Amino acid sequence: MFSSSLKRFRIITFVEGVSFLTLLFIAMPIKYIGGNPIPVKIVGMAHGLLFFVFLFCLYQAAVEYKWSKKFSFFAIVFSCIPFGTFILDSDLKKKQLILAQQKK
C-alpha cells in the first residue's frame, strides 16, 4: 500500500483534502454559526499537521520521479483550493498508470 512515494503522496493528498473540506464545511460553520470554537482548533491542528506531511511526501515524490518545479508548485496551489487535491489526484493517478506501464 505504501510501497512507493507516489502511492504515499496520493494517499496523503486524499486525506489532506478531506481534512481541509472538514475544516471549511463542518468545523468553521460550527464555530461561526454555533459559537463553538473547539472543532476548529482540533480539525485545524490536524489539517495543519497533514499539510506538513503533504509537503514532505510531495518533496519525496518530486525527487524520486524528477517532477518539475512547476508541477510541484501547482500541487501546493491545488492543496490550498477546496476540492483541489482531488483534481490533483486525477493527474497523479495518470502518472502512476504511466509508471506502471513503463515497468511492464
N, C-alpha and C. Protein backbone atom coordinates (compact mmCIF):
# COMPACT_ATOMS: atom_id res chain seq x y z
N MET A 1 0.82 -1.20 0.00
CA MET A 1 0.00 0.00 0.00
C MET A 1 0.87 1.26 0.00
N PHE A 2 1.91 1.27 0.84
CA PHE A 2 2.79 2.43 0.92
C PHE A 2 4.13 2.14 0.25
N SER A 3 4.12 1.30 -0.78
CA SER A 3 5.36 0.80 -1.35
C SER A 3 6.16 1.85 -2.12
N SER A 4 5.53 2.91 -2.58
CA SER A 4 6.28 3.93 -3.30
C SER A 4 5.88 5.32 -2.80
N SER A 5 6.76 6.27 -3.06
CA SER A 5 6.47 7.63 -2.60
C SER A 5 5.26 8.21 -3.34
N LEU A 6 5.01 7.77 -4.56
CA LEU A 6 3.83 8.25 -5.29
C LEU A 6 2.54 7.74 -4.65
N LYS A 7 2.53 6.48 -4.24
CA LYS A 7 1.34 5.94 -3.57
C LYS A 7 1.11 6.65 -2.24
N ARG A 8 2.19 6.86 -1.48
CA ARG A 8 2.06 7.59 -0.22
C ARG A 8 1.54 8.99 -0.46
N PHE A 9 2.06 9.64 -1.50
CA PHE A 9 1.63 11.00 -1.80
C PHE A 9 0.16 11.04 -2.19
N ARG A 10 -0.28 10.08 -2.98
CA ARG A 10 -1.70 10.04 -3.36
C ARG A 10 -2.59 9.86 -2.14
N ILE A 11 -2.17 9.01 -1.21
CA ILE A 11 -2.97 8.79 -0.01
C ILE A 11 -3.04 10.05 0.84
N ILE A 12 -1.88 10.68 1.07
CA ILE A 12 -1.88 11.89 1.91
C ILE A 12 -2.60 13.03 1.20
N THR A 13 -2.56 13.06 -0.13
CA THR A 13 -3.31 14.08 -0.88
C THR A 13 -4.80 13.95 -0.60
N PHE A 14 -5.30 12.73 -0.60
CA PHE A 14 -6.71 12.50 -0.32
C PHE A 14 -7.06 12.88 1.12
N VAL A 15 -6.26 12.41 2.06
CA VAL A 15 -6.54 12.66 3.48
C VAL A 15 -6.45 14.16 3.79
N GLU A 16 -5.46 14.83 3.24
CA GLU A 16 -5.31 16.28 3.46
C GLU A 16 -6.50 17.03 2.86
N GLY A 17 -6.96 16.59 1.70
CA GLY A 17 -8.12 17.22 1.07
C GLY A 17 -9.38 17.06 1.90
N VAL A 18 -9.57 15.87 2.45
CA VAL A 18 -10.74 15.62 3.31
C VAL A 18 -10.65 16.48 4.57
N SER A 19 -9.46 16.60 5.15
CA SER A 19 -9.32 17.42 6.36
C SER A 19 -9.60 18.89 6.06
N PHE A 20 -9.18 19.37 4.89
CA PHE A 20 -9.44 20.76 4.50
C PHE A 20 -10.94 21.00 4.34
N LEU A 21 -11.62 20.09 3.67
CA LEU A 21 -13.07 20.23 3.50
C LEU A 21 -13.81 20.13 4.83
N THR A 22 -13.34 19.25 5.71
CA THR A 22 -13.94 19.13 7.03
C THR A 22 -13.78 20.44 7.80
N LEU A 23 -12.61 21.03 7.70
CA LEU A 23 -12.37 22.30 8.37
C LEU A 23 -13.28 23.39 7.81
N LEU A 24 -13.36 23.48 6.49
CA LEU A 24 -14.14 24.56 5.86
C LEU A 24 -15.65 24.39 6.02
N PHE A 25 -16.13 23.17 5.81
CA PHE A 25 -17.58 22.99 5.70
C PHE A 25 -18.26 22.39 6.93
N ILE A 26 -17.47 21.95 7.90
CA ILE A 26 -18.07 21.43 9.13
C ILE A 26 -17.61 22.24 10.35
N ALA A 27 -16.29 22.29 10.56
CA ALA A 27 -15.77 22.93 11.77
C ALA A 27 -16.02 24.44 11.78
N MET A 28 -15.77 25.12 10.67
CA MET A 28 -15.97 26.57 10.65
C MET A 28 -17.43 26.99 10.80
N PRO A 29 -18.38 26.31 10.16
CA PRO A 29 -19.78 26.67 10.44
C PRO A 29 -20.17 26.42 11.90
N ILE A 30 -19.63 25.37 12.50
CA ILE A 30 -19.92 25.13 13.92
C ILE A 30 -19.39 26.29 14.75
N LYS A 31 -18.23 26.80 14.38
CA LYS A 31 -17.65 27.92 15.12
C LYS A 31 -18.45 29.20 14.92
N TYR A 32 -18.73 29.54 13.67
CA TYR A 32 -19.33 30.85 13.39
C TYR A 32 -20.85 30.87 13.49
N ILE A 33 -21.49 29.75 13.27
CA ILE A 33 -22.94 29.70 13.40
C ILE A 33 -23.33 29.19 14.79
N GLY A 34 -22.62 28.17 15.24
CA GLY A 34 -22.96 27.57 16.53
C GLY A 34 -22.24 28.18 17.72
N GLY A 35 -21.20 28.96 17.46
CA GLY A 35 -20.48 29.61 18.54
C GLY A 35 -19.55 28.70 19.31
N ASN A 36 -19.16 27.57 18.73
CA ASN A 36 -18.29 26.62 19.41
C ASN A 36 -16.95 26.54 18.66
N PRO A 37 -15.88 27.13 19.22
CA PRO A 37 -14.59 27.16 18.51
C PRO A 37 -13.76 25.87 18.63
N ILE A 38 -14.18 24.94 19.45
CA ILE A 38 -13.37 23.74 19.69
C ILE A 38 -13.13 22.91 18.42
N PRO A 39 -14.16 22.64 17.59
CA PRO A 39 -13.89 21.84 16.38
C PRO A 39 -12.84 22.46 15.46
N VAL A 40 -12.82 23.79 15.36
CA VAL A 40 -11.83 24.44 14.50
C VAL A 40 -10.43 24.22 15.07
N LYS A 41 -10.30 24.27 16.38
CA LYS A 41 -8.98 24.05 16.98
C LYS A 41 -8.50 22.63 16.71
N ILE A 42 -9.38 21.66 16.87
CA ILE A 42 -8.99 20.26 16.70
C ILE A 42 -8.74 19.94 15.23
N VAL A 43 -9.72 20.23 14.39
CA VAL A 43 -9.58 19.92 12.96
C VAL A 43 -8.50 20.78 12.33
N GLY A 44 -8.39 22.03 12.77
CA GLY A 44 -7.36 22.92 12.23
C GLY A 44 -5.96 22.41 12.53
N MET A 45 -5.75 21.93 13.75
CA MET A 45 -4.44 21.38 14.09
C MET A 45 -4.14 20.12 13.29
N ALA A 46 -5.12 19.25 13.16
CA ALA A 46 -4.94 18.03 12.37
C ALA A 46 -4.64 18.38 10.92
N HIS A 47 -5.38 19.33 10.39
CA HIS A 47 -5.16 19.74 8.99
C HIS A 47 -3.77 20.35 8.81
N GLY A 48 -3.34 21.14 9.76
CA GLY A 48 -2.00 21.73 9.68
C GLY A 48 -0.91 20.68 9.67
N LEU A 49 -1.05 19.68 10.54
CA LEU A 49 -0.07 18.59 10.56
C LEU A 49 -0.09 17.80 9.26
N LEU A 50 -1.30 17.54 8.76
CA LEU A 50 -1.43 16.82 7.49
C LEU A 50 -0.83 17.62 6.33
N PHE A 51 -0.94 18.94 6.39
CA PHE A 51 -0.36 19.76 5.33
C PHE A 51 1.16 19.63 5.32
N PHE A 52 1.78 19.59 6.50
CA PHE A 52 3.23 19.39 6.55
C PHE A 52 3.61 18.01 6.03
N VAL A 53 2.82 17.00 6.34
CA VAL A 53 3.06 15.65 5.81
C VAL A 53 2.90 15.68 4.29
N PHE A 54 1.90 16.40 3.80
CA PHE A 54 1.67 16.57 2.37
C PHE A 54 2.93 17.15 1.71
N LEU A 55 3.48 18.21 2.29
CA LEU A 55 4.67 18.85 1.72
C LEU A 55 5.87 17.89 1.72
N PHE A 56 6.02 17.14 2.80
CA PHE A 56 7.11 16.18 2.89
C PHE A 56 6.97 15.09 1.83
N CYS A 57 5.77 14.55 1.69
CA CYS A 57 5.52 13.49 0.69
C CYS A 57 5.66 14.04 -0.73
N LEU A 58 5.25 15.28 -0.94
CA LEU A 58 5.43 15.91 -2.25
C LEU A 58 6.92 16.01 -2.58
N TYR A 59 7.70 16.44 -1.60
CA TYR A 59 9.14 16.55 -1.82
C TYR A 59 9.75 15.19 -2.17
N GLN A 60 9.38 14.15 -1.40
CA GLN A 60 9.91 12.81 -1.66
C GLN A 60 9.57 12.34 -3.07
N ALA A 61 8.30 12.50 -3.45
CA ALA A 61 7.87 12.05 -4.78
C ALA A 61 8.52 12.89 -5.88
N ALA A 62 8.62 14.20 -5.66
CA ALA A 62 9.21 15.07 -6.68
C ALA A 62 10.67 14.71 -6.92
N VAL A 63 11.39 14.38 -5.87
CA VAL A 63 12.80 13.99 -6.02
C VAL A 63 12.89 12.63 -6.70
N GLU A 64 12.10 11.68 -6.24
CA GLU A 64 12.18 10.33 -6.80
C GLU A 64 11.80 10.27 -8.27
N TYR A 65 10.75 11.00 -8.64
CA TYR A 65 10.24 10.92 -10.02
C TYR A 65 10.68 12.09 -10.89
N LYS A 66 11.53 12.95 -10.33
CA LYS A 66 12.09 14.09 -11.06
C LYS A 66 11.01 15.00 -11.65
N TRP A 67 10.02 15.33 -10.81
CA TRP A 67 8.97 16.23 -11.24
C TRP A 67 9.53 17.64 -11.35
N SER A 68 8.95 18.41 -12.24
CA SER A 68 9.40 19.79 -12.42
C SER A 68 8.98 20.64 -11.22
N LYS A 69 9.67 21.76 -11.06
CA LYS A 69 9.31 22.70 -10.00
C LYS A 69 7.93 23.27 -10.27
N LYS A 70 7.59 23.41 -11.54
CA LYS A 70 6.26 23.93 -11.90
C LYS A 70 5.16 22.99 -11.42
N PHE A 71 5.33 21.69 -11.63
CA PHE A 71 4.33 20.73 -11.18
C PHE A 71 4.22 20.76 -9.66
N SER A 72 5.36 20.79 -8.97
CA SER A 72 5.35 20.84 -7.51
C SER A 72 4.67 22.10 -7.00
N PHE A 73 4.93 23.21 -7.65
CA PHE A 73 4.29 24.47 -7.27
C PHE A 73 2.77 24.36 -7.43
N PHE A 74 2.33 23.84 -8.55
CA PHE A 74 0.88 23.71 -8.77
C PHE A 74 0.25 22.69 -7.82
N ALA A 75 1.00 21.69 -7.40
CA ALA A 75 0.48 20.75 -6.40
C ALA A 75 0.21 21.48 -5.09
N ILE A 76 1.10 22.38 -4.71
CA ILE A 76 0.89 23.17 -3.49
C ILE A 76 -0.29 24.11 -3.66
N VAL A 77 -0.40 24.74 -4.82
CA VAL A 77 -1.53 25.65 -5.08
C VAL A 77 -2.85 24.88 -5.01
N PHE A 78 -2.90 23.71 -5.63
CA PHE A 78 -4.13 22.91 -5.60
C PHE A 78 -4.50 22.47 -4.20
N SER A 79 -3.51 22.31 -3.33
CA SER A 79 -3.81 21.92 -1.95
C SER A 79 -4.46 23.05 -1.17
N CYS A 80 -4.37 24.27 -1.67
CA CYS A 80 -4.96 25.43 -0.99
C CYS A 80 -6.35 25.78 -1.52
N ILE A 81 -6.82 25.05 -2.50
CA ILE A 81 -8.13 25.28 -3.11
C ILE A 81 -9.07 24.16 -2.68
N PRO A 82 -10.27 24.50 -2.20
CA PRO A 82 -11.21 23.42 -1.85
C PRO A 82 -11.43 22.49 -3.05
N PHE A 83 -11.38 21.21 -2.82
CA PHE A 83 -11.51 20.15 -3.81
C PHE A 83 -10.31 20.07 -4.76
N GLY A 84 -9.31 20.92 -4.57
CA GLY A 84 -8.14 20.93 -5.45
C GLY A 84 -7.30 19.67 -5.37
N THR A 85 -7.21 19.09 -4.18
CA THR A 85 -6.39 17.87 -4.07
C THR A 85 -7.01 16.71 -4.82
N PHE A 86 -8.32 16.72 -4.98
CA PHE A 86 -8.97 15.65 -5.72
C PHE A 86 -8.71 15.80 -7.23
N ILE A 87 -8.60 17.03 -7.69
CA ILE A 87 -8.22 17.29 -9.08
C ILE A 87 -6.77 16.88 -9.28
N LEU A 88 -5.92 17.23 -8.31
CA LEU A 88 -4.51 16.84 -8.36
C LEU A 88 -4.37 15.33 -8.40
N ASP A 89 -5.20 14.63 -7.65
CA ASP A 89 -5.10 13.17 -7.59
C ASP A 89 -5.37 12.53 -8.95
N SER A 90 -6.25 13.13 -9.74
CA SER A 90 -6.50 12.55 -11.07
C SER A 90 -5.24 12.62 -11.92
N ASP A 91 -4.46 13.68 -11.79
CA ASP A 91 -3.20 13.79 -12.52
C ASP A 91 -2.17 12.82 -11.95
N LEU A 92 -2.16 12.66 -10.64
CA LEU A 92 -1.24 11.72 -10.01
C LEU A 92 -1.56 10.28 -10.42
N LYS A 93 -2.84 9.99 -10.55
CA LYS A 93 -3.24 8.64 -10.98
C LYS A 93 -2.73 8.36 -12.39
N LYS A 94 -2.81 9.36 -13.27
CA LYS A 94 -2.30 9.20 -14.63
C LYS A 94 -0.80 8.93 -14.60
N LYS A 95 -0.08 9.68 -13.75
CA LYS A 95 1.36 9.47 -13.63
C LYS A 95 1.66 8.06 -13.13
N GLN A 96 0.85 7.59 -12.18
CA GLN A 96 1.04 6.26 -11.62
C GLN A 96 0.79 5.19 -12.68
N LEU A 97 -0.23 5.37 -13.49
CA LEU A 97 -0.53 4.41 -14.56
C LEU A 97 0.59 4.38 -15.60
N ILE A 98 1.12 5.53 -15.94
CA ILE A 98 2.22 5.59 -16.90
C ILE A 98 3.44 4.86 -16.35
N LEU A 99 3.73 5.07 -15.08
CA LEU A 99 4.87 4.38 -14.45
C LEU A 99 4.66 2.87 -14.43
N ALA A 100 3.43 2.44 -14.16
CA ALA A 100 3.14 1.00 -14.14
C ALA A 100 3.31 0.39 -15.52
N GLN A 101 2.93 1.12 -16.56
CA GLN A 101 3.08 0.61 -17.92
C GLN A 101 4.55 0.55 -18.33
N GLN A 102 5.34 1.52 -17.84
CA GLN A 102 6.76 1.52 -18.17
C GLN A 102 7.50 0.35 -17.52
N LYS A 103 7.01 -0.10 -16.37
CA LYS A 103 7.66 -1.21 -15.68
C LYS A 103 7.38 -2.56 -16.33
N LYS A 104 6.31 -2.64 -17.12
CA LYS A 104 5.95 -3.92 -17.77
C LYS A 104 6.85 -4.24 -18.91
